[in-house]
Amino acid sequence: MIEWLVPAIGSPATFSVVTFGDKAILSRFGLSSSSLTLFVGLNQALFGTVVLLFAPLEGVGWSGVTGGVGAGVFQGLGLILMFYVLKREEASRVIPVFQTSPIFVALLASAFLDESLSVIQWAAVFMAVIGAIAASTTKSSIGGSFRPKPIFAVLILAAASVAVSQIFLEISTDEMSVWNTVSLRGWGMAAVMSVAFARKTNLRELKDFLRVPKQGGLLALTEGTLAVAASLQLIYAISRGPVSLVAAIFGTRPGFMFIIGLVGSKVYPSFFDEVFNRTDFLIKFGATALIVTAIVLIATG
């Protein structure tokens, strides 16, 4: 059990660190979301190609290829939308809403894969919706009328896109090895994240950003190293342990975000850019608890 449990916990914890790094890159250092998207796409293309050298495509059918590339395309679209919101909002509010993708997976599986939801799972869906609304609510909206920020609707679309990606992943992994799927998924992500944003202005901005050691080092560490490490941990955990339990543990990412954001706002407030007054603390804690519980209930049935 320990061989898959440690990476299953390590993956969401590592991705949480990546998210705060991305937030600093976008807000503190001023890189545009388009240029960050371009870098992630290029990195995924490189990663997918390297994996292919060690695990060549053999006996792969069109359904497997479509599933792998489709998974990457929709994952890429979800990240593009998430980066857009992350540049404008606190990371500890963004990720709880973005992490509701397992809820959409359950709904899609119920609608198209002939899988049924239990009463507990339906209750979890409504719990996640309440948590997502709470995460997007600020003190000012409570002081007046209860009205979540409209921009968080973009995150719902992002979560839905990631859910479609996971459905494609299931199709792909039924037809080919996990490593072949990783390669095709990387190319699919590159197709929407690199090709679509490979404009001169973005390339120039990214080049100038990487030239500054502090900025370039942070970007290389977060998206170039830690994001890859987090993905590999998740893949390894899925290959070794029960998928439902791994998914449930991965769903605790908002919890890691909350803890890291809370500690970071006290230790290094200029980097973490998180607000934790009494009202915001209660909202973030409540939203995180609702969404994490909902994801665990959905994953374990």
Foldseek 3Di string as FASTA:
>chain_A
DVQLVVLLLVLLLLLLVLLLLLLCLCAVVNQPLLLLLQVLLVLLLVVLVVLCVVPPDDPFDPLLLCLLLLLLQLLLLLSSLLSNVSSPDASLLSVLLLLLLLLLLLVCCVVPVVDDDDPLLVVLSVLSVVLNLLSQFDPVCVVPPSDGDPSSVSSNSSSNSNSVSVVSVVSNVVRDPPSNSSSSSSNSSSVCRNPVSVDPVSVVSSVVQLVPPVRVVSSCCNSVPSNVSSVVSLSSSVVPHPPLVSQLSSSLSSVSNLVCLVVCCVVPVSSNVDDDDPVSVVSSVSSSVSSSVSRNSSSVD
